[in-house]
N, C-alpha and C. Protein backbone atom coordinates (compact mmCIF):
# COMPACT_ATOMS: atom_id res chain seq x y z
N UNK A 1 201.36 151.40 -67.20
CA UNK A 1 200.28 152.31 -66.92
C UNK A 1 199.75 152.02 -65.51
N UNK A 2 199.66 153.05 -64.69
CA UNK A 2 199.14 152.91 -63.33
C UNK A 2 197.63 152.82 -63.36
N UNK A 3 197.10 152.05 -62.43
CA UNK A 3 195.65 151.90 -62.33
C UNK A 3 195.25 152.21 -60.90
N UNK A 4 194.20 153.01 -60.75
CA UNK A 4 193.69 153.34 -59.43
C UNK A 4 192.82 152.22 -58.89
N UNK A 5 192.98 151.92 -57.62
CA UNK A 5 192.18 150.89 -56.96
C UNK A 5 191.62 151.50 -55.69
N UNK A 6 190.32 151.31 -55.45
CA UNK A 6 189.70 151.80 -54.22
C UNK A 6 189.49 150.62 -53.29
N UNK A 7 189.92 150.78 -52.04
CA UNK A 7 189.77 149.73 -51.04
C UNK A 7 188.98 150.30 -49.88
N UNK A 8 187.94 149.58 -49.49
CA UNK A 8 187.09 150.03 -48.40
C UNK A 8 186.89 148.89 -47.43
N UNK A 9 187.12 149.16 -46.13
CA UNK A 9 186.91 148.16 -45.10
C UNK A 9 185.94 148.70 -44.07
N UNK A 10 184.89 147.95 -43.78
CA UNK A 10 183.91 148.29 -42.77
C UNK A 10 184.11 147.32 -41.61
N UNK A 11 184.76 147.79 -40.54
CA UNK A 11 185.07 146.90 -39.42
C UNK A 11 183.80 146.44 -38.70
N UNK A 12 182.80 147.31 -38.62
CA UNK A 12 181.55 146.93 -37.96
C UNK A 12 180.81 145.84 -38.74
N UNK A 13 180.81 145.97 -40.07
CA UNK A 13 180.16 144.98 -40.92
C UNK A 13 181.06 143.81 -41.27
N UNK A 14 182.37 143.92 -40.89
CA UNK A 14 183.36 142.88 -41.17
C UNK A 14 183.41 142.58 -42.67
N UNK A 15 183.55 143.65 -43.46
CA UNK A 15 183.39 143.60 -44.93
C UNK A 15 184.51 144.38 -45.60
N UNK A 16 185.13 143.78 -46.60
CA UNK A 16 186.19 144.43 -47.38
C UNK A 16 185.75 144.49 -48.84
N UNK A 17 185.93 145.65 -49.47
CA UNK A 17 185.60 145.77 -50.88
C UNK A 17 186.77 146.42 -51.62
N UNK A 18 187.11 145.86 -52.77
CA UNK A 18 188.18 146.39 -53.63
C UNK A 18 187.55 146.66 -54.99
N UNK A 19 187.66 147.92 -55.45
CA UNK A 19 187.07 148.32 -56.73
C UNK A 19 188.16 148.78 -57.68
N UNK A 20 188.15 148.23 -58.88
CA UNK A 20 189.09 148.63 -59.93
C UNK A 20 188.49 149.71 -60.81
N UNK A 21 187.17 149.89 -60.73
CA UNK A 21 186.46 150.84 -61.59
C UNK A 21 185.20 151.32 -60.88
N UNK A 22 184.77 152.56 -61.20
CA UNK A 22 183.52 153.12 -60.67
C UNK A 22 182.35 152.86 -61.60
N UNK A 23 182.57 152.09 -62.67
CA UNK A 23 181.49 151.78 -63.62
C UNK A 23 180.32 151.11 -62.92
N UNK A 24 179.12 151.29 -63.47
CA UNK A 24 177.94 150.61 -62.94
C UNK A 24 178.11 149.10 -63.11
N UNK A 25 177.64 148.36 -62.14
CA UNK A 25 177.74 146.91 -62.21
C UNK A 25 176.90 146.24 -61.15
N UNK A 26 177.10 144.95 -61.01
CA UNK A 26 176.34 144.20 -60.01
C UNK A 26 177.24 143.14 -59.40
N UNK A 27 176.82 142.65 -58.22
CA UNK A 27 177.58 141.64 -57.51
C UNK A 27 177.14 140.25 -57.98
N UNK A 28 178.11 139.35 -58.09
CA UNK A 28 177.85 137.99 -58.55
C UNK A 28 178.60 137.03 -57.62
N UNK A 29 177.96 135.92 -57.28
CA UNK A 29 178.57 134.92 -56.40
C UNK A 29 179.79 134.27 -57.06
N UNK A 30 180.70 133.81 -56.21
CA UNK A 30 181.83 133.00 -56.65
C UNK A 30 181.71 131.64 -55.98
N UNK A 31 182.63 130.75 -56.24
CA UNK A 31 182.60 129.44 -55.60
C UNK A 31 182.92 129.52 -54.11
N UNK A 32 183.56 130.61 -53.67
CA UNK A 32 183.88 130.82 -52.26
C UNK A 32 182.74 131.65 -51.64
N UNK A 33 182.09 131.11 -50.60
CA UNK A 33 180.95 131.78 -49.98
C UNK A 33 181.26 133.17 -49.43
N UNK A 34 182.52 133.43 -49.09
CA UNK A 34 182.90 134.70 -48.51
C UNK A 34 183.21 135.77 -49.56
N UNK A 35 183.32 135.39 -50.82
CA UNK A 35 183.77 136.32 -51.87
C UNK A 35 182.70 136.51 -52.94
N UNK A 36 182.46 137.78 -53.28
CA UNK A 36 181.57 138.14 -54.38
C UNK A 36 182.39 138.95 -55.38
N UNK A 37 182.09 138.83 -56.65
CA UNK A 37 182.78 139.65 -57.65
C UNK A 37 181.81 140.70 -58.18
N UNK A 38 182.32 141.88 -58.47
CA UNK A 38 181.51 142.95 -59.06
C UNK A 38 181.87 143.01 -60.53
N UNK A 39 180.85 142.87 -61.39
CA UNK A 39 181.06 142.85 -62.83
C UNK A 39 180.13 143.85 -63.51
N UNK A 40 180.50 144.27 -64.73
CA UNK A 40 179.64 145.14 -65.52
C UNK A 40 178.67 144.28 -66.33
N UNK A 41 177.81 144.92 -67.12
CA UNK A 41 176.77 144.18 -67.86
C UNK A 41 177.33 143.18 -68.86
N UNK A 42 178.57 143.37 -69.30
CA UNK A 42 179.16 142.43 -70.25
C UNK A 42 180.11 141.42 -69.58
N UNK A 43 180.11 141.40 -68.24
CA UNK A 43 180.93 140.44 -67.53
C UNK A 43 182.33 140.90 -67.18
N UNK A 44 182.64 142.17 -67.44
CA UNK A 44 183.96 142.70 -67.12
C UNK A 44 184.13 142.86 -65.62
N UNK A 45 185.25 142.43 -65.08
CA UNK A 45 185.52 142.49 -63.65
C UNK A 45 185.77 143.92 -63.21
N UNK A 46 184.97 144.39 -62.24
CA UNK A 46 185.08 145.75 -61.71
C UNK A 46 185.67 145.76 -60.30
N UNK A 47 185.64 144.61 -59.63
CA UNK A 47 186.15 144.53 -58.27
C UNK A 47 185.66 143.27 -57.59
N UNK A 48 185.86 143.23 -56.27
CA UNK A 48 185.41 142.08 -55.50
C UNK A 48 185.20 142.50 -54.05
N UNK A 49 184.47 141.67 -53.31
CA UNK A 49 184.26 141.92 -51.89
C UNK A 49 184.48 140.63 -51.11
N UNK A 50 184.87 140.81 -49.84
CA UNK A 50 185.08 139.67 -48.94
C UNK A 50 184.27 139.92 -47.68
N UNK A 51 183.40 138.99 -47.35
CA UNK A 51 182.57 139.09 -46.15
C UNK A 51 183.19 138.29 -45.02
N UNK A 52 182.90 138.70 -43.79
CA UNK A 52 183.42 138.01 -42.59
C UNK A 52 184.94 137.95 -42.61
N UNK A 53 185.55 139.10 -42.84
CA UNK A 53 187.01 139.18 -42.97
C UNK A 53 187.72 138.71 -41.70
N UNK A 54 187.18 139.00 -40.53
CA UNK A 54 187.87 138.63 -39.28
C UNK A 54 188.03 137.12 -39.13
N UNK A 55 187.15 136.33 -39.75
CA UNK A 55 187.30 134.87 -39.70
C UNK A 55 188.58 134.41 -40.39
N UNK A 56 189.08 135.24 -41.28
CA UNK A 56 190.28 134.88 -42.04
C UNK A 56 191.57 135.21 -41.31
N UNK A 57 191.47 136.06 -40.27
CA UNK A 57 192.66 136.50 -39.54
C UNK A 57 193.36 135.30 -38.91
N UNK A 58 194.64 135.19 -39.13
CA UNK A 58 195.43 134.13 -38.55
C UNK A 58 195.32 132.79 -39.26
N UNK A 59 194.46 132.71 -40.23
CA UNK A 59 194.34 131.44 -40.95
C UNK A 59 195.24 131.46 -42.17
N UNK A 60 195.42 130.30 -42.73
CA UNK A 60 196.24 130.23 -43.94
C UNK A 60 195.55 131.00 -45.07
N UNK A 61 196.26 131.40 -46.07
CA UNK A 61 195.62 132.12 -47.18
C UNK A 61 194.51 131.28 -47.81
N UNK A 62 193.47 131.95 -48.23
CA UNK A 62 192.40 131.27 -48.93
C UNK A 62 192.38 131.78 -50.36
N UNK A 63 191.73 131.08 -51.25
CA UNK A 63 191.69 131.54 -52.63
C UNK A 63 190.26 131.55 -53.13
N UNK A 64 190.05 132.40 -54.11
CA UNK A 64 188.75 132.50 -54.78
C UNK A 64 189.04 132.82 -56.23
N UNK A 65 188.37 132.14 -57.12
CA UNK A 65 188.56 132.40 -58.54
C UNK A 65 187.51 133.39 -59.00
N UNK A 66 187.96 134.52 -59.57
CA UNK A 66 187.06 135.53 -60.11
C UNK A 66 186.91 135.25 -61.59
N UNK A 67 185.70 135.02 -62.03
CA UNK A 67 185.50 134.61 -63.42
C UNK A 67 185.27 135.77 -64.37
N UNK A 68 185.07 136.97 -63.84
CA UNK A 68 184.89 138.13 -64.73
C UNK A 68 186.13 138.36 -65.55
N UNK A 69 185.94 138.88 -66.75
CA UNK A 69 187.09 139.19 -67.61
C UNK A 69 187.46 140.66 -67.40
N UNK A 70 188.63 141.04 -67.85
CA UNK A 70 189.06 142.43 -67.77
C UNK A 70 188.17 143.28 -68.66
N UNK A 71 187.58 144.38 -68.11
CA UNK A 71 186.68 145.20 -68.94
C UNK A 71 187.42 145.93 -70.06
N UNK A 72 186.72 146.20 -71.14
CA UNK A 72 187.30 146.95 -72.24
C UNK A 72 187.52 148.39 -71.81
N UNK A 73 188.53 149.02 -72.35
CA UNK A 73 188.87 150.41 -71.97
C UNK A 73 187.86 151.40 -72.47
């Protein structure tokens, strides 16, 4: 089953956002200061954002653990 993903990059704000769902939700911190996860009221993962994206250019890959679970259909 194909899933739609929305990706938005704001070069002026140096901000990347990836959304798996348009459901209402809120942003929650992760252990990585540059990454926030978007979750619904029950903790289902709706997407994530990365701040200061240009700092990552040319560097080795970084990782962030998203703790939200997959939302119910």
